[in-house]
Amino acid sequence: HGNRLLARALGAAGVSRGARTVTAWMRSRWGEAWDVHYYTGSMVAALIDGFQRELGAQAATRCLDGCHEHALAAAALAGWQCYGRAYVLVVTSGMVDEFRGTLANLARAGAPGLIICAESPTGAWFAFQGARNSEEDNLAVLSARGLAHAFVDRPAALDAQLAGLFAELDARPQPAWLFATQ
């Protein structure tokens, strides 16, 4: 239980609270008409695993991977436009720039969904990683586009921040972002 990688491999880690909370919320609004799209990375591996465990192999909600951020957003847009399926996108850190074009398309289509992005701790700086660092704040880009977003850096704040994002999604169906540190 002390080794997170070994615990996850052996199934001892359980499902993360974030995966349980997001799954419950999506099911309450969309039933099984939503999908999880992910682009893997070590910072989000436990969350992706949590969604896969929470949904199970027989669920109508699918966990689909993509080779880059644009593929995830394009698949979410197609799912919404063709089948009325909402989405959760899970990506590793620093991906706001990669989503810019498809964010506009998702917002214009009124495609409701949550984008969960791993983030660096406040005050840390990692070159080309993270949405917020000493040189730029990509949360300002999301604000300028009118997209809801929240930053969570401690587990105690998760429920309140998610509740705010879910309320925003209920009011305005479009992409909403959750940035969370490990």
C-alpha atoms as a PDB file:
ATOM      1  CA  HIS A   1       0.000   0.000   0.000  1.00  0.00           C
ATOM      2  CA  GLY A   2       2.983   2.343   0.375  1.00  0.00           C
ATOM      3  CA  ASN A   3       4.038   1.999  -3.265  1.00  0.00           C
ATOM      4  CA  ARG A   4       1.421   3.773  -5.416  1.00  0.00           C
ATOM      5  CA  LEU A   5       2.469   2.067  -8.661  1.00  0.00           C
ATOM      6  CA  LEU A   6       2.460  -1.403  -7.114  1.00  0.00           C
ATOM      7  CA  ALA A   7      -0.828  -0.759  -5.310  1.00  0.00           C
ATOM      8  CA  ARG A   8      -2.448   0.318  -8.587  1.00  0.00           C
ATOM      9  CA  ALA A   9      -1.070  -2.727 -10.418  1.00  0.00           C
ATOM     10  CA  LEU A  10      -2.384  -5.072  -7.728  1.00  0.00           C
ATOM     11  CA  GLY A  11      -5.746  -3.352  -7.490  1.00  0.00           C
ATOM     12  CA  ALA A  12      -5.188  -2.223  -3.912  1.00  0.00           C
ATOM     13  CA  ALA A  13      -5.361   1.475  -4.695  1.00  0.00           C
ATOM     14  CA  GLY A  14      -9.125   1.610  -5.232  1.00  0.00           C
ATOM     15  CA  VAL A  15     -10.957   4.209  -7.278  1.00  0.00           C
ATOM     16  CA  SER A  16      -9.990   7.830  -6.743  1.00  0.00           C
ATOM     17  CA  ARG A  17     -12.518  10.190  -5.190  1.00  0.00           C
ATOM     18  CA  GLY A  18     -12.225  12.398  -8.259  1.00  0.00           C
ATOM     19  CA  ALA A  19     -13.203   9.563 -10.617  1.00  0.00           C
ATOM     20  CA  ARG A  20     -16.098   8.530  -8.348  1.00  0.00           C
ATOM     21  CA  THR A  21     -17.398  12.095  -7.989  1.00  0.00           C
ATOM     22  CA  VAL A  22     -17.169  12.960 -11.677  1.00  0.00           C
ATOM     23  CA  THR A  23     -18.715   9.628 -12.711  1.00  0.00           C
ATOM     24  CA  ALA A  24     -21.639  10.116 -10.305  1.00  0.00           C
ATOM     25  CA  TRP A  25     -22.248  13.649 -11.564  1.00  0.00           C
ATOM     26  CA  MET A  26     -22.062  12.690 -15.243  1.00  0.00           C
ATOM     27  CA  ARG A  27     -24.401   9.739 -14.685  1.00  0.00           C
ATOM     28  CA  SER A  28     -26.879  11.940 -12.820  1.00  0.00           C
ATOM     29  CA  ARG A  29     -27.145  14.245 -15.833  1.00  0.00           C
ATOM     30  CA  TRP A  30     -26.345  12.044 -18.823  1.00  0.00           C
ATOM     31  CA  GLY A  31     -27.060   8.479 -17.703  1.00  0.00           C
ATOM     32  CA  GLU A  32     -24.761   6.364 -19.831  1.00  0.00           C
ATOM     33  CA  ALA A  33     -24.676   8.889 -22.715  1.00  0.00           C
ATOM     34  CA  TRP A  34     -21.175  10.182 -22.057  1.00  0.00           C
ATOM     35  CA  ASP A  35     -17.623   8.996 -22.622  1.00  0.00           C
ATOM     36  CA  VAL A  36     -14.181   9.411 -21.109  1.00  0.00           C
ATOM     37  CA  HIS A  37     -11.456  10.319 -23.596  1.00  0.00           C
ATOM     38  CA  TYR A  38      -7.878  10.343 -22.364  1.00  0.00           C
ATOM     39  CA  TYR A  39      -4.327  11.079 -23.344  1.00  0.00           C
ATOM     40  CA  THR A  40      -2.156   9.302 -20.851  1.00  0.00           C
ATOM     41  CA  GLY A  41       0.603  10.595 -18.657  1.00  0.00           C
ATOM     42  CA  SER A  42       1.982   9.588 -15.300  1.00  0.00           C
ATOM     43  CA  MET A  43       0.243  12.468 -13.523  1.00  0.00           C
ATOM     44  CA  VAL A  44      -3.209  11.312 -14.667  1.00  0.00           C
ATOM     45  CA  ALA A  45      -2.681   7.539 -14.820  1.00  0.00           C
ATOM     46  CA  ALA A  46      -4.445   6.880 -11.493  1.00  0.00           C
ATOM     47  CA  LEU A  47      -7.437   9.013 -12.539  1.00  0.00           C
ATOM     48  CA  ILE A  48      -7.737   7.196 -15.879  1.00  0.00           C
ATOM     49  CA  ASP A  49      -7.499   3.866 -14.069  1.00  0.00           C
ATOM     50  CA  GLY A  50     -10.181   5.075 -11.652  1.00  0.00           C
ATOM     51  CA  PHE A  51     -12.572   5.879 -14.486  1.00  0.00           C
ATOM     52  CA  GLN A  52     -11.924   2.499 -16.091  1.00  0.00           C
ATOM     53  CA  ARG A  53     -12.621   0.703 -12.816  1.00  0.00           C
ATOM     54  CA  GLU A  54     -15.634   2.840 -11.946  1.00  0.00           C
ATOM     55  CA  LEU A  55     -17.241   2.315 -15.352  1.00  0.00           C
ATOM     56  CA  GLY A  56     -16.369  -1.366 -15.736  1.00  0.00           C
ATOM     57  CA  ALA A  57     -16.053  -3.391 -18.905  1.00  0.00           C
ATOM     58  CA  GLN A  58     -19.803  -3.656 -19.575  1.00  0.00           C
ATOM     59  CA  ALA A  59     -20.706   0.037 -19.232  1.00  0.00           C
ATOM     60  CA  ALA A  60     -22.272   1.904 -22.135  1.00  0.00           C
ATOM     61  CA  THR A  61     -19.996   4.771 -21.154  1.00  0.00           C
ATOM     62  CA  ARG A  62     -16.684   4.091 -22.836  1.00  0.00           C
ATOM     63  CA  CYS A  63     -13.084   4.947 -21.954  1.00  0.00           C
ATOM     64  CA  LEU A  64     -11.339   5.855 -25.196  1.00  0.00           C
ATOM     65  CA  ASP A  65      -7.741   6.880 -25.661  1.00  0.00           C
ATOM     66  CA  GLY A  66      -6.329   9.231 -28.246  1.00  0.00           C
ATOM     67  CA  CYS A  67      -2.891   9.972 -29.605  1.00  0.00           C
ATOM     68  CA  HIS A  68      -3.024  13.725 -28.871  1.00  0.00           C
ATOM     69  CA  GLU A  69      -5.246  16.433 -27.442  1.00  0.00           C
ATOM     70  CA  HIS A  70      -6.881  17.377 -30.726  1.00  0.00           C
ATOM     71  CA  ALA A  71      -7.953  13.742 -31.245  1.00  0.00           C
ATOM     72  CA  LEU A  72      -9.664  13.761 -27.844  1.00  0.00           C
ATOM     73  CA  ALA A  73     -11.532  16.991 -28.505  1.00  0.00           C
ATOM     74  CA  ALA A  74     -12.480  15.969 -32.058  1.00  0.00           C
ATOM     75  CA  ALA A  75     -13.829  12.629 -30.780  1.00  0.00           C
ATOM     76  CA  ALA A  76     -15.814  14.436 -28.070  1.00  0.00           C
ATOM     77  CA  LEU A  77     -17.244  16.837 -30.663  1.00  0.00           C
ATOM     78  CA  ALA A  78     -18.218  13.958 -32.955  1.00  0.00           C
ATOM     79  CA  GLY A  79     -19.801  12.101 -30.037  1.00  0.00           C
ATOM     80  CA  TRP A  80     -21.870  15.166 -29.164  1.00  0.00           C
ATOM     81  CA  GLN A  81     -22.911  16.093 -32.696  1.00  0.00           C
ATOM     82  CA  CYS A  82     -23.643  12.569 -33.909  1.00  0.00           C
ATOM     83  CA  TYR A  83     -24.932  10.848 -30.769  1.00  0.00           C
ATOM     84  CA  GLY A  84     -25.664  13.511 -28.135  1.00  0.00           C
ATOM     85  CA  ARG A  85     -22.943  12.153 -25.833  1.00  0.00           C
ATOM     86  CA  ALA A  86     -21.308  14.414 -23.254  1.00  0.00           C
ATOM     87  CA  TYR A  87     -17.648  13.887 -22.399  1.00  0.00           C
ATOM     88  CA  VAL A  88     -14.871  13.918 -19.868  1.00  0.00           C
ATOM     89  CA  LEU A  89     -11.392  14.515 -21.296  1.00  0.00           C
ATOM     90  CA  VAL A  90      -8.382  13.608 -19.156  1.00  0.00           C
ATOM     91  CA  VAL A  91      -4.977  14.983 -20.112  1.00  0.00           C
ATOM     92  CA  THR A  92      -1.613  15.532 -18.552  1.00  0.00           C
ATOM     93  CA  SER A  93      -0.228  18.943 -17.713  1.00  0.00           C
ATOM     94  CA  GLY A  94       0.142  21.995 -19.894  1.00  0.00           C
ATOM     95  CA  MET A  95      -2.369  21.208 -22.612  1.00  0.00           C
ATOM     96  CA  VAL A  96      -4.376  24.433 -22.926  1.00  0.00           C
ATOM     97  CA  ASP A  97      -2.458  25.587 -26.014  1.00  0.00           C
ATOM     98  CA  GLU A  98      -2.994  22.274 -27.786  1.00  0.00           C
ATOM     99  CA  PHE A  99      -6.769  22.537 -27.336  1.00  0.00           C
ATOM    100  CA  ARG A 100      -7.307  26.120 -28.496  1.00  0.00           C
ATOM    101  CA  GLY A 101      -8.808  25.392 -31.921  1.00  0.00           C
ATOM    102  CA  THR A 102     -11.036  22.533 -30.881  1.00  0.00           C
ATOM    103  CA  LEU A 103     -12.153  24.358 -27.729  1.00  0.00           C
ATOM    104  CA  ALA A 104     -13.814  26.937 -29.948  1.00  0.00           C
ATOM    105  CA  ASN A 105     -15.589  24.176 -31.869  1.00  0.00           C
ATOM    106  CA  LEU A 106     -16.781  22.431 -28.688  1.00  0.00           C
ATOM    107  CA  ALA A 107     -18.034  25.722 -27.249  1.00  0.00           C
ATOM    108  CA  ARG A 108     -19.823  26.745 -30.472  1.00  0.00           C
ATOM    109  CA  ALA A 109     -21.519  23.335 -30.639  1.00  0.00           C
ATOM    110  CA  GLY A 110     -22.693  23.655 -27.021  1.00  0.00           C
ATOM    111  CA  ALA A 111     -20.992  20.344 -26.287  1.00  0.00           C
ATOM    112  CA  PRO A 112     -21.133  19.870 -22.513  1.00  0.00           C
ATOM    113  CA  GLY A 113     -18.159  18.253 -20.890  1.00  0.00           C
ATOM    114  CA  LEU A 114     -15.372  18.411 -18.393  1.00  0.00           C
ATOM    115  CA  ILE A 115     -11.681  18.597 -19.249  1.00  0.00           C
ATOM    116  CA  ILE A 116      -9.497  17.409 -16.390  1.00  0.00           C
ATOM    117  CA  CYS A 117      -5.890  18.514 -16.654  1.00  0.00           C
ATOM    118  CA  ALA A 118      -3.045  17.669 -14.300  1.00  0.00           C
ATOM    119  CA  GLU A 119      -1.348  20.783 -12.979  1.00  0.00           C
ATOM    120  CA  SER A 120       1.868  21.687 -11.228  1.00  0.00           C
ATOM    121  CA  PRO A 121       1.701  22.799  -7.602  1.00  0.00           C
ATOM    122  CA  THR A 122       1.305  26.528  -7.009  1.00  0.00           C
ATOM    123  CA  GLY A 123       4.681  28.220  -7.009  1.00  0.00           C
ATOM    124  CA  ALA A 124       6.410  25.483  -9.016  1.00  0.00           C
ATOM    125  CA  TRP A 125       7.720  26.118 -12.488  1.00  0.00           C
ATOM    126  CA  PHE A 126       8.400  23.403 -15.022  1.00  0.00           C
ATOM    127  CA  ALA A 127       9.347  24.507 -18.532  1.00  0.00           C
ATOM    128  CA  PHE A 128       6.604  23.751 -21.095  1.00  0.00           C
ATOM    129  CA  GLN A 129       4.464  22.079 -18.444  1.00  0.00           C
ATOM    130  CA  GLY A 130       1.503  23.368 -16.556  1.00  0.00           C
ATOM    131  CA  ALA A 131      -1.090  25.971 -17.389  1.00  0.00           C
ATOM    132  CA  ARG A 132       0.257  28.377 -14.772  1.00  0.00           C
ATOM    133  CA  ASN A 133       3.902  29.195 -14.305  1.00  0.00           C
ATOM    134  CA  SER A 134       6.155  32.184 -13.762  1.00  0.00           C
ATOM    135  CA  GLU A 135       5.921  33.220 -17.427  1.00  0.00           C
ATOM    136  CA  GLU A 136       2.238  32.784 -18.265  1.00  0.00           C
ATOM    137  CA  ASP A 137      -1.203  31.951 -16.961  1.00  0.00           C
ATOM    138  CA  ASN A 138      -3.321  30.028 -19.458  1.00  0.00           C
ATOM    139  CA  LEU A 139      -6.308  30.271 -17.139  1.00  0.00           C
ATOM    140  CA  ALA A 140      -6.597  33.813 -18.465  1.00  0.00           C
ATOM    141  CA  VAL A 141      -7.038  32.318 -21.957  1.00  0.00           C
ATOM    142  CA  LEU A 142      -9.968  30.246 -20.698  1.00  0.00           C
ATOM    143  CA  SER A 143     -11.468  33.288 -18.971  1.00  0.00           C
ATOM    144  CA  ALA A 144     -11.159  35.299 -22.177  1.00  0.00           C
ATOM    145  CA  ARG A 145     -13.034  32.556 -24.036  1.00  0.00           C
ATOM    146  CA  GLY A 146     -15.751  32.545 -21.384  1.00  0.00           C
ATOM    147  CA  LEU A 147     -15.012  28.958 -20.338  1.00  0.00           C
ATOM    148  CA  ALA A 148     -15.528  27.817 -16.763  1.00  0.00           C
ATOM    149  CA  HIS A 149     -12.436  26.571 -14.975  1.00  0.00           C
ATOM    150  CA  ALA A 150     -11.203  25.751 -11.496  1.00  0.00           C
ATOM    151  CA  PHE A 151      -7.827  25.064  -9.921  1.00  0.00           C
ATOM    152  CA  VAL A 152      -7.586  22.504  -7.113  1.00  0.00           C
ATOM    153  CA  ASP A 153      -4.363  22.121  -5.166  1.00  0.00           C
ATOM    154  CA  ARG A 154      -5.601  20.250  -2.101  1.00  0.00           C
ATOM    155  CA  PRO A 155      -8.071  17.362  -1.718  1.00  0.00           C
ATOM    156  CA  ALA A 156     -10.310  19.286   0.700  1.00  0.00           C
ATOM    157  CA  ALA A 157     -11.170  21.783  -2.077  1.00  0.00           C
ATOM    158  CA  LEU A 158     -12.120  19.183  -4.692  1.00  0.00           C
ATOM    159  CA  ASP A 159     -15.830  18.828  -3.922  1.00  0.00           C
ATOM    160  CA  ALA A 160     -16.490  22.576  -3.781  1.00  0.00           C
ATOM    161  CA  GLN A 161     -14.578  23.269  -7.007  1.00  0.00           C
ATOM    162  CA  LEU A 162     -16.329  20.418  -8.837  1.00  0.00           C
ATOM    163  CA  ALA A 163     -19.723  21.610  -7.607  1.00  0.00           C
ATOM    164  CA  GLY A 164     -18.978  25.050  -9.054  1.00  0.00           C
ATOM    165  CA  LEU A 165     -17.948  23.596 -12.401  1.00  0.00           C
ATOM    166  CA  PHE A 166     -20.982  21.314 -12.522  1.00  0.00           C
ATOM    167  CA  ALA A 167     -23.248  24.314 -11.834  1.00  0.00           C
ATOM    168  CA  GLU A 168     -21.551  26.182 -14.698  1.00  0.00           C
ATOM    169  CA  LEU A 169     -22.100  23.213 -17.012  1.00  0.00           C
ATOM    170  CA  ASP A 170     -25.764  23.048 -16.010  1.00  0.00           C
ATOM    171  CA  ALA A 171     -26.135  26.758 -16.820  1.00  0.00           C
ATOM    172  CA  ARG A 172     -24.042  26.781 -20.009  1.00  0.00           C
ATOM    173  CA  PRO A 173     -23.304  23.533 -21.860  1.00  0.00           C
ATOM    174  CA  GLN A 174     -19.743  23.888 -23.141  1.00  0.00           C
ATOM    175  CA  PRO A 175     -16.278  22.718 -22.103  1.00  0.00           C
ATOM    176  CA  ALA A 176     -15.333  23.339 -18.468  1.00  0.00           C
ATOM    177  CA  TRP A 177     -11.811  22.800 -17.134  1.00  0.00           C
ATOM    178  CA  LEU A 178     -10.610  21.319 -13.869  1.00  0.00           C
ATOM    179  CA  PHE A 179      -6.898  21.785 -13.163  1.00  0.00           C
ATOM    180  CA  ALA A 180      -5.712  19.623 -10.272  1.00  0.00           C
ATOM    181  CA  THR A 181      -2.355  18.974  -8.699  1.00  0.00           C
ATOM    182  CA  GLN A 182      -1.481  15.467  -7.592  1.00  0.00           C
END
